[in-house]
Amino acid sequence: MDTVHDEPSYIASVLRARYQRRLPSSLNELTGPEHGMVELPLHIAWSGLRVLDLDRPRQRMSLYRTVLAEGMRDDLCRFLNKGILLELWPVLHKFISTAIKDVWEEAFPELQP
């Protein structure tokens, strides 16, 4: 076992770098839908529910958690909406990984509490 690569700080830095590469330049690039049904592609939602209703609060939260964790830059822009992200963030940031939360809040101060 390679102890250098198993250290929590190394793993955290790898995760942070992964999420930083995926960030949009601005929250204004998040032009995803505000209402209705959304079908996520398999590379984002590879297990579980893939068709979610943005008009149902739990499904909307689930979609945002999944896209933030698994989506690439184009997916973030396509499926997330700036207004909804800002609305959900006070609760959403408690349900995503620390790496995602920190990267997004550092890049976009308007998300910070």
C-alpha atoms as a PDB file:
ATOM      1  CA  MET A   1       0.000   0.000   0.000  1.00  0.00           C
ATOM      2  CA  ASP A   2       1.376   3.403  -0.982  1.00  0.00           C
ATOM      3  CA  THR A   3       1.006   5.445   2.205  1.00  0.00           C
ATOM      4  CA  VAL A   4       1.850   8.758   0.515  1.00  0.00           C
ATOM      5  CA  HIS A   5      -1.187   8.499  -1.752  1.00  0.00           C
ATOM      6  CA  ASP A   6      -3.457   7.224   0.997  1.00  0.00           C
ATOM      7  CA  GLU A   7      -3.025  10.250   3.227  1.00  0.00           C
ATOM      8  CA  PRO A   8      -6.231  12.256   3.693  1.00  0.00           C
ATOM      9  CA  SER A   9      -4.507  15.492   2.657  1.00  0.00           C
ATOM     10  CA  TYR A  10      -3.351  13.955  -0.629  1.00  0.00           C
ATOM     11  CA  ILE A  11      -6.810  12.559  -1.373  1.00  0.00           C
ATOM     12  CA  ALA A  12      -8.417  15.898  -0.508  1.00  0.00           C
ATOM     13  CA  SER A  13      -6.060  17.761  -2.834  1.00  0.00           C
ATOM     14  CA  VAL A  14      -6.818  15.364  -5.699  1.00  0.00           C
ATOM     15  CA  LEU A  15     -10.568  15.830  -5.184  1.00  0.00           C
ATOM     16  CA  ARG A  16     -10.255  19.612  -4.978  1.00  0.00           C
ATOM     17  CA  ALA A  17      -8.257  19.683  -8.224  1.00  0.00           C
ATOM     18  CA  ARG A  18     -10.864  17.497  -9.932  1.00  0.00           C
ATOM     19  CA  TYR A  19     -13.721  19.823  -8.953  1.00  0.00           C
ATOM     20  CA  GLN A  20     -11.754  22.998  -9.722  1.00  0.00           C
ATOM     21  CA  ARG A  21     -11.161  21.845 -13.308  1.00  0.00           C
ATOM     22  CA  ARG A  22     -14.896  21.422 -13.782  1.00  0.00           C
ATOM     23  CA  LEU A  23     -15.960  24.860 -12.536  1.00  0.00           C
ATOM     24  CA  PRO A  24     -17.661  27.292 -14.891  1.00  0.00           C
ATOM     25  CA  SER A  25     -16.003  30.710 -15.226  1.00  0.00           C
ATOM     26  CA  SER A  26     -19.044  32.391 -13.734  1.00  0.00           C
ATOM     27  CA  LEU A  27     -22.331  31.386 -12.136  1.00  0.00           C
ATOM     28  CA  ASN A  28     -23.967  33.185 -15.068  1.00  0.00           C
ATOM     29  CA  GLU A  29     -22.951  30.207 -17.218  1.00  0.00           C
ATOM     30  CA  LEU A  30     -25.401  28.035 -15.245  1.00  0.00           C
ATOM     31  CA  THR A  31     -28.366  28.315 -17.575  1.00  0.00           C
ATOM     32  CA  GLY A  32     -30.089  25.013 -16.896  1.00  0.00           C
ATOM     33  CA  PRO A  33     -33.830  24.548 -16.642  1.00  0.00           C
ATOM     34  CA  GLU A  34     -35.868  26.000 -13.799  1.00  0.00           C
ATOM     35  CA  HIS A  35     -38.915  23.719 -14.051  1.00  0.00           C
ATOM     36  CA  GLY A  36     -40.035  20.406 -15.443  1.00  0.00           C
ATOM     37  CA  MET A  37     -38.541  17.001 -15.989  1.00  0.00           C
ATOM     38  CA  VAL A  38     -34.805  16.564 -16.558  1.00  0.00           C
ATOM     39  CA  GLU A  39     -33.154  13.377 -17.766  1.00  0.00           C
ATOM     40  CA  LEU A  40     -29.537  13.063 -16.701  1.00  0.00           C
ATOM     41  CA  PRO A  41     -27.126  11.152 -18.936  1.00  0.00           C
ATOM     42  CA  LEU A  42     -25.598   7.898 -17.717  1.00  0.00           C
ATOM     43  CA  HIS A  43     -22.159   9.428 -17.140  1.00  0.00           C
ATOM     44  CA  ILE A  44     -23.729  11.637 -14.441  1.00  0.00           C
ATOM     45  CA  ALA A  45     -26.445   9.425 -12.966  1.00  0.00           C
ATOM     46  CA  TRP A  46     -24.978   5.965 -13.421  1.00  0.00           C
ATOM     47  CA  SER A  47     -27.074   4.449 -10.648  1.00  0.00           C
ATOM     48  CA  GLY A  48     -30.490   5.289  -9.335  1.00  0.00           C
ATOM     49  CA  LEU A  49     -33.013   7.806 -10.587  1.00  0.00           C
ATOM     50  CA  ARG A  50     -32.085   9.507 -13.875  1.00  0.00           C
ATOM     51  CA  VAL A  51     -35.280  11.434 -14.636  1.00  0.00           C
ATOM     52  CA  LEU A  52     -35.992  14.083 -12.028  1.00  0.00           C
ATOM     53  CA  ASP A  53     -38.737  16.676 -11.634  1.00  0.00           C
ATOM     54  CA  LEU A  54     -37.387  20.131 -10.795  1.00  0.00           C
ATOM     55  CA  ASP A  55     -40.792  21.089  -9.436  1.00  0.00           C
ATOM     56  CA  ARG A  56     -40.425  18.521  -6.639  1.00  0.00           C
ATOM     57  CA  PRO A  57     -38.057  19.903  -3.957  1.00  0.00           C
ATOM     58  CA  ARG A  58     -36.399  16.587  -3.049  1.00  0.00           C
ATOM     59  CA  GLN A  59     -35.797  15.648  -6.664  1.00  0.00           C
ATOM     60  CA  ARG A  60     -34.447  19.138  -7.419  1.00  0.00           C
ATOM     61  CA  MET A  61     -32.005  18.790  -4.484  1.00  0.00           C
ATOM     62  CA  SER A  62     -31.023  15.314  -5.654  1.00  0.00           C
ATOM     63  CA  LEU A  63     -30.347  16.533  -9.189  1.00  0.00           C
ATOM     64  CA  TYR A  64     -28.129  19.350  -7.930  1.00  0.00           C
ATOM     65  CA  ARG A  65     -26.179  17.052  -5.589  1.00  0.00           C
ATOM     66  CA  THR A  66     -25.639  14.526  -8.368  1.00  0.00           C
ATOM     67  CA  VAL A  67     -24.610  17.035 -11.037  1.00  0.00           C
ATOM     68  CA  LEU A  68     -22.227  18.845  -8.683  1.00  0.00           C
ATOM     69  CA  ALA A  69     -20.557  15.557  -7.763  1.00  0.00           C
ATOM     70  CA  GLU A  70     -20.488  13.789 -11.134  1.00  0.00           C
ATOM     71  CA  GLY A  71     -20.949  16.389 -13.853  1.00  0.00           C
ATOM     72  CA  MET A  72     -18.265  17.862 -16.057  1.00  0.00           C
ATOM     73  CA  ARG A  73     -18.114  21.605 -16.850  1.00  0.00           C
ATOM     74  CA  ASP A  74     -20.582  21.353 -19.759  1.00  0.00           C
ATOM     75  CA  ASP A  75     -22.970  19.326 -17.608  1.00  0.00           C
ATOM     76  CA  LEU A  76     -22.851  21.909 -14.829  1.00  0.00           C
ATOM     77  CA  CYS A  77     -23.778  24.658 -17.285  1.00  0.00           C
ATOM     78  CA  ARG A  78     -26.456  22.557 -18.979  1.00  0.00           C
ATOM     79  CA  PHE A  79     -28.259  21.165 -15.930  1.00  0.00           C
ATOM     80  CA  LEU A  80     -27.708  23.727 -13.154  1.00  0.00           C
ATOM     81  CA  ASN A  81     -29.396  27.097 -12.963  1.00  0.00           C
ATOM     82  CA  LYS A  82     -27.765  30.033 -11.172  1.00  0.00           C
ATOM     83  CA  GLY A  83     -30.970  31.170  -9.439  1.00  0.00           C
ATOM     84  CA  ILE A  84     -31.834  27.704  -8.194  1.00  0.00           C
ATOM     85  CA  LEU A  85     -28.260  27.035  -7.054  1.00  0.00           C
ATOM     86  CA  LEU A  86     -28.242  30.256  -5.032  1.00  0.00           C
ATOM     87  CA  GLU A  87     -31.623  29.361  -3.541  1.00  0.00           C
ATOM     88  CA  LEU A  88     -30.616  25.799  -2.648  1.00  0.00           C
ATOM     89  CA  TRP A  89     -27.057  26.475  -1.474  1.00  0.00           C
ATOM     90  CA  PRO A  90     -27.804  27.233   2.224  1.00  0.00           C
ATOM     91  CA  VAL A  91     -29.125  23.663   2.569  1.00  0.00           C
ATOM     92  CA  LEU A  92     -27.374  21.976  -0.367  1.00  0.00           C
ATOM     93  CA  HIS A  93     -23.864  22.733   0.911  1.00  0.00           C
ATOM     94  CA  LYS A  94     -24.595  20.520   3.942  1.00  0.00           C
ATOM     95  CA  PHE A  95     -25.304  17.515   1.699  1.00  0.00           C
ATOM     96  CA  ILE A  96     -22.313  17.639  -0.642  1.00  0.00           C
ATOM     97  CA  SER A  97     -18.702  16.709  -0.015  1.00  0.00           C
ATOM     98  CA  THR A  98     -16.406  19.178   1.697  1.00  0.00           C
ATOM     99  CA  ALA A  99     -14.215  19.271  -1.417  1.00  0.00           C
ATOM    100  CA  ILE A 100     -17.119  20.363  -3.628  1.00  0.00           C
ATOM    101  CA  LYS A 101     -18.388  22.874  -1.072  1.00  0.00           C
ATOM    102  CA  ASP A 102     -14.979  24.462  -0.526  1.00  0.00           C
ATOM    103  CA  VAL A 103     -14.110  24.692  -4.228  1.00  0.00           C
ATOM    104  CA  TRP A 104     -17.430  26.288  -5.140  1.00  0.00           C
ATOM    105  CA  GLU A 105     -17.450  28.735  -2.219  1.00  0.00           C
ATOM    106  CA  GLU A 106     -13.857  29.805  -2.930  1.00  0.00           C
ATOM    107  CA  ALA A 107     -14.603  30.354  -6.620  1.00  0.00           C
ATOM    108  CA  PHE A 108     -17.960  32.066  -6.067  1.00  0.00           C
ATOM    109  CA  PRO A 109     -18.069  34.201  -2.908  1.00  0.00           C
ATOM    110  CA  GLU A 110     -21.810  34.781  -3.369  1.00  0.00           C
ATOM    111  CA  LEU A 111     -22.284  31.162  -2.216  1.00  0.00           C
ATOM    112  CA  GLN A 112     -20.519  31.711   1.109  1.00  0.00           C
ATOM    113  CA  PRO A 113     -22.780  31.960   4.155  1.00  0.00           C
END
